[in-house]
Amino acid sequence: MSWISAVRRVVNEAVDTGLSFLPPDTVSHLGRASTELLLAARAVIDEQIAWNGRHVERAAAIREARRARASAPPADLATEGASRPD
């Protein structure tokens, strides 16, 4: 058994023992509240996973636009005017 499993077992036993001193209705509410918090965290993580794909797509589009600008011929300064006033 790894030390992580041992720590997890001790913590779980401590939680179970602590909850055993509370009224059953309280334990039930705490269990449901804990589940709801975990489900909320899962929803946030799922949304971020979905956004990761969007970030990758947008980064590719930005990269292509930057490459297109870099490969474009330089603009004629005579048609655009001086870079600083004299």
N, C-alpha and C. Protein backbone atom coordinates (compact mmCIF):
# COMPACT_ATOMS: atom_id res chain seq x y z
N MET A 1 0.86 -1.18 0.00
CA MET A 1 0.00 0.00 0.00
C MET A 1 0.90 1.24 0.00
N SER A 2 0.63 2.17 -0.88
CA SER A 2 1.44 3.39 -0.94
C SER A 2 1.07 4.31 0.22
N TRP A 3 1.95 5.25 0.47
CA TRP A 3 1.68 6.18 1.58
C TRP A 3 0.49 7.06 1.27
N ILE A 4 0.23 7.34 0.00
CA ILE A 4 -0.95 8.15 -0.36
C ILE A 4 -2.22 7.39 -0.01
N SER A 5 -2.25 6.11 -0.32
CA SER A 5 -3.42 5.30 0.02
C SER A 5 -3.62 5.23 1.53
N ALA A 6 -2.52 5.13 2.26
CA ALA A 6 -2.61 5.07 3.72
C ALA A 6 -3.18 6.37 4.27
N VAL A 7 -2.70 7.50 3.75
CA VAL A 7 -3.20 8.80 4.22
C VAL A 7 -4.67 8.95 3.86
N ARG A 8 -5.03 8.55 2.65
CA ARG A 8 -6.43 8.64 2.21
C ARG A 8 -7.33 7.80 3.12
N ARG A 9 -6.87 6.60 3.47
CA ARG A 9 -7.66 5.73 4.34
C ARG A 9 -7.85 6.35 5.71
N VAL A 10 -6.78 6.93 6.27
CA VAL A 10 -6.87 7.56 7.60
C VAL A 10 -7.83 8.75 7.56
N VAL A 11 -7.72 9.57 6.52
CA VAL A 11 -8.60 10.75 6.41
C VAL A 11 -10.05 10.32 6.26
N ASN A 12 -10.29 9.33 5.39
CA ASN A 12 -11.67 8.86 5.21
C ASN A 12 -12.25 8.28 6.50
N GLU A 13 -11.45 7.56 7.24
CA GLU A 13 -11.94 7.02 8.51
C GLU A 13 -12.22 8.14 9.51
N ALA A 14 -11.39 9.18 9.50
CA ALA A 14 -11.62 10.32 10.41
C ALA A 14 -12.91 11.04 10.04
N VAL A 15 -13.15 11.23 8.74
CA VAL A 15 -14.38 11.90 8.31
C VAL A 15 -15.59 11.06 8.70
N ASP A 16 -15.52 9.77 8.43
CA ASP A 16 -16.64 8.88 8.78
C ASP A 16 -16.92 8.90 10.29
N THR A 17 -15.86 8.86 11.08
CA THR A 17 -16.03 8.88 12.53
C THR A 17 -16.62 10.20 12.99
N GLY A 18 -16.13 11.30 12.44
CA GLY A 18 -16.67 12.61 12.80
C GLY A 18 -18.14 12.75 12.45
N LEU A 19 -18.49 12.29 11.25
CA LEU A 19 -19.89 12.38 10.83
C LEU A 19 -20.79 11.49 11.68
N SER A 20 -20.25 10.43 12.25
CA SER A 20 -21.08 9.53 13.05
C SER A 20 -21.58 10.18 14.33
N PHE A 21 -20.97 11.29 14.75
CA PHE A 21 -21.42 12.00 15.95
C PHE A 21 -22.53 13.01 15.65
N LEU A 22 -22.81 13.27 14.39
CA LEU A 22 -23.82 14.26 14.01
C LEU A 22 -25.17 13.58 13.77
N PRO A 23 -26.25 14.36 13.86
CA PRO A 23 -27.57 13.80 13.56
C PRO A 23 -27.63 13.33 12.09
N PRO A 24 -28.40 12.28 11.83
CA PRO A 24 -28.48 11.73 10.47
C PRO A 24 -28.91 12.76 9.41
N ASP A 25 -29.87 13.62 9.75
CA ASP A 25 -30.31 14.62 8.78
C ASP A 25 -29.17 15.59 8.43
N THR A 26 -28.39 15.95 9.42
CA THR A 26 -27.25 16.84 9.18
C THR A 26 -26.24 16.17 8.26
N VAL A 27 -25.95 14.92 8.51
CA VAL A 27 -25.00 14.17 7.68
C VAL A 27 -25.52 14.09 6.24
N SER A 28 -26.81 13.86 6.10
CA SER A 28 -27.41 13.78 4.77
C SER A 28 -27.27 15.10 4.02
N HIS A 29 -27.57 16.21 4.70
CA HIS A 29 -27.44 17.53 4.08
C HIS A 29 -25.99 17.83 3.71
N LEU A 30 -25.08 17.52 4.61
CA LEU A 30 -23.66 17.76 4.33
C LEU A 30 -23.18 16.93 3.15
N GLY A 31 -23.66 15.70 3.06
CA GLY A 31 -23.29 14.84 1.94
C GLY A 31 -23.78 15.39 0.61
N ARG A 32 -25.05 15.84 0.61
CA ARG A 32 -25.61 16.42 -0.63
C ARG A 32 -24.90 17.73 -0.99
N ALA A 33 -24.59 18.55 0.03
CA ALA A 33 -23.89 19.81 -0.23
C ALA A 33 -22.50 19.54 -0.81
N SER A 34 -21.82 18.57 -0.26
CA SER A 34 -20.50 18.20 -0.76
C SER A 34 -20.59 17.73 -2.21
N THR A 35 -21.59 16.91 -2.51
CA THR A 35 -21.79 16.43 -3.87
C THR A 35 -22.06 17.59 -4.81
N GLU A 36 -22.89 18.53 -4.40
CA GLU A 36 -23.20 19.69 -5.26
C GLU A 36 -21.95 20.53 -5.53
N LEU A 37 -21.12 20.71 -4.51
CA LEU A 37 -19.88 21.46 -4.72
C LEU A 37 -18.96 20.75 -5.71
N LEU A 38 -18.87 19.45 -5.60
CA LEU A 38 -18.04 18.69 -6.53
C LEU A 38 -18.61 18.74 -7.95
N LEU A 39 -19.93 18.67 -8.07
CA LEU A 39 -20.56 18.78 -9.39
C LEU A 39 -20.34 20.17 -10.00
N ALA A 40 -20.38 21.20 -9.15
CA ALA A 40 -20.10 22.56 -9.64
C ALA A 40 -18.67 22.67 -10.14
N ALA A 41 -17.74 22.10 -9.38
CA ALA A 41 -16.33 22.11 -9.81
C ALA A 41 -16.18 21.36 -11.12
N ARG A 42 -16.86 20.23 -11.26
CA ARG A 42 -16.80 19.47 -12.51
C ARG A 42 -17.32 20.29 -13.68
N ALA A 43 -18.42 21.03 -13.45
CA ALA A 43 -18.99 21.86 -14.52
C ALA A 43 -17.99 22.93 -14.96
N VAL A 44 -17.30 23.53 -14.00
CA VAL A 44 -16.29 24.54 -14.34
C VAL A 44 -15.16 23.90 -15.13
N ILE A 45 -14.71 22.74 -14.71
CA ILE A 45 -13.62 22.05 -15.41
C ILE A 45 -14.07 21.65 -16.82
N ASP A 46 -15.28 21.12 -16.96
CA ASP A 46 -15.79 20.75 -18.28
C ASP A 46 -15.86 21.95 -19.21
N GLU A 47 -16.28 23.09 -18.68
CA GLU A 47 -16.36 24.30 -19.51
C GLU A 47 -14.96 24.75 -19.93
N GLN A 48 -14.01 24.66 -19.02
CA GLN A 48 -12.64 25.04 -19.38
C GLN A 48 -12.06 24.09 -20.42
N ILE A 49 -12.39 22.81 -20.33
CA ILE A 49 -11.94 21.85 -21.34
C ILE A 49 -12.50 22.24 -22.71
N ALA A 50 -13.77 22.62 -22.74
CA ALA A 50 -14.36 23.07 -24.01
C ALA A 50 -13.66 24.32 -24.53
N TRP A 51 -13.32 25.23 -23.65
CA TRP A 51 -12.64 26.46 -24.07
C TRP A 51 -11.23 26.18 -24.57
N ASN A 52 -10.59 25.14 -24.05
CA ASN A 52 -9.24 24.83 -24.51
C ASN A 52 -9.20 24.63 -26.01
N GLY A 53 -10.17 23.93 -26.57
CA GLY A 53 -10.25 23.76 -28.02
C GLY A 53 -10.41 25.08 -28.74
N ARG A 54 -11.22 25.95 -28.18
CA ARG A 54 -11.41 27.28 -28.80
C ARG A 54 -10.12 28.08 -28.76
N HIS A 55 -9.39 28.01 -27.66
CA HIS A 55 -8.13 28.74 -27.55
C HIS A 55 -7.13 28.26 -28.60
N VAL A 56 -7.07 26.94 -28.79
CA VAL A 56 -6.16 26.39 -29.79
C VAL A 56 -6.54 26.86 -31.19
N GLU A 57 -7.83 26.85 -31.51
CA GLU A 57 -8.30 27.31 -32.82
C GLU A 57 -7.99 28.79 -33.03
N ARG A 58 -8.26 29.61 -32.02
CA ARG A 58 -7.99 31.05 -32.14
C ARG A 58 -6.50 31.33 -32.27
N ALA A 59 -5.68 30.60 -31.53
CA ALA A 59 -4.23 30.78 -31.63
C ALA A 59 -3.75 30.46 -33.04
N ALA A 60 -4.31 29.41 -33.65
CA ALA A 60 -3.93 29.06 -35.02
C ALA A 60 -4.33 30.16 -35.99
N ALA A 61 -5.51 30.73 -35.81
CA ALA A 61 -5.96 31.81 -36.70
C ALA A 61 -5.07 33.05 -36.54
N ILE A 62 -4.72 33.37 -35.32
CA ILE A 62 -3.85 34.53 -35.07
C ILE A 62 -2.47 34.28 -35.68
N ARG A 63 -1.96 33.07 -35.53
CA ARG A 63 -0.65 32.72 -36.10
C ARG A 63 -0.67 32.86 -37.61
N GLU A 64 -1.73 32.37 -38.27
CA GLU A 64 -1.83 32.47 -39.72
C GLU A 64 -1.94 33.92 -40.17
N ALA A 65 -2.70 34.74 -39.43
CA ALA A 65 -2.82 36.16 -39.78
C ALA A 65 -1.46 36.85 -39.65
N ARG A 66 -0.72 36.50 -38.60
CA ARG A 66 0.59 37.11 -38.41
C ARG A 66 1.54 36.70 -39.53
N ARG A 67 1.50 35.43 -39.94
CA ARG A 67 2.35 34.96 -41.04
C ARG A 67 1.97 35.65 -42.35
N ALA A 68 0.67 35.86 -42.56
CA ALA A 68 0.22 36.53 -43.78
C ALA A 68 0.72 37.97 -43.81
N ARG A 69 0.66 38.65 -42.65
CA ARG A 69 1.16 40.04 -42.60
C ARG A 69 2.67 40.08 -42.82
N ALA A 70 3.38 39.10 -42.25
CA ALA A 70 4.84 39.07 -42.37
C ALA A 70 5.28 38.78 -43.80
N SER A 71 4.50 38.00 -44.54
CA SER A 71 4.88 37.65 -45.90
C SER A 71 4.36 38.64 -46.93
N ALA A 72 3.53 39.60 -46.50
CA ALA A 72 3.00 40.61 -47.42
C ALA A 72 4.14 41.55 -47.81
N PRO A 73 4.11 42.05 -49.06
CA PRO A 73 5.15 43.00 -49.47
C PRO A 73 5.07 44.27 -48.63
N PRO A 74 6.20 44.92 -48.37
CA PRO A 74 6.18 46.13 -47.56
C PRO A 74 5.38 47.23 -48.26
N ALA A 75 4.73 48.04 -47.45
CA ALA A 75 3.93 49.14 -47.99
C ALA A 75 4.87 50.22 -48.52
N ASP A 76 4.42 50.91 -49.57
CA ASP A 76 5.19 52.01 -50.16
C ASP A 76 5.06 53.23 -49.26
N LEU A 77 6.20 53.71 -48.72
CA LEU A 77 6.16 54.85 -47.81
C LEU A 77 5.71 56.13 -48.50
N ALA A 78 5.93 56.24 -49.79
CA ALA A 78 5.54 57.46 -50.50
C ALA A 78 4.01 57.59 -50.52
N THR A 79 3.31 56.49 -50.55
CA THR A 79 1.83 56.57 -50.58
C THR A 79 1.26 56.70 -49.19
N GLU A 80 2.01 56.26 -48.17
CA GLU A 80 1.49 56.32 -46.80
C GLU A 80 1.95 57.55 -46.06
N GLY A 81 2.95 58.25 -46.55
CA GLY A 81 3.43 59.44 -45.87
C GLY A 81 4.62 59.12 -44.99
N ALA A 82 5.21 60.15 -44.47
CA ALA A 82 6.41 60.00 -43.63
C ALA A 82 6.06 59.36 -42.32
N SER A 83 7.07 58.72 -41.70
CA SER A 83 6.82 58.06 -40.44
C SER A 83 6.81 59.05 -39.28
N ARG A 84 7.43 60.24 -39.45
CA ARG A 84 7.38 61.25 -38.40
C ARG A 84 7.33 62.63 -39.04
N PRO A 85 6.65 63.55 -38.39
CA PRO A 85 6.56 64.89 -39.00
C PRO A 85 7.91 65.61 -38.92
N ASP A 86 8.21 66.41 -39.96
CA ASP A 86 9.45 67.20 -39.96
C ASP A 86 9.17 68.64 -39.61
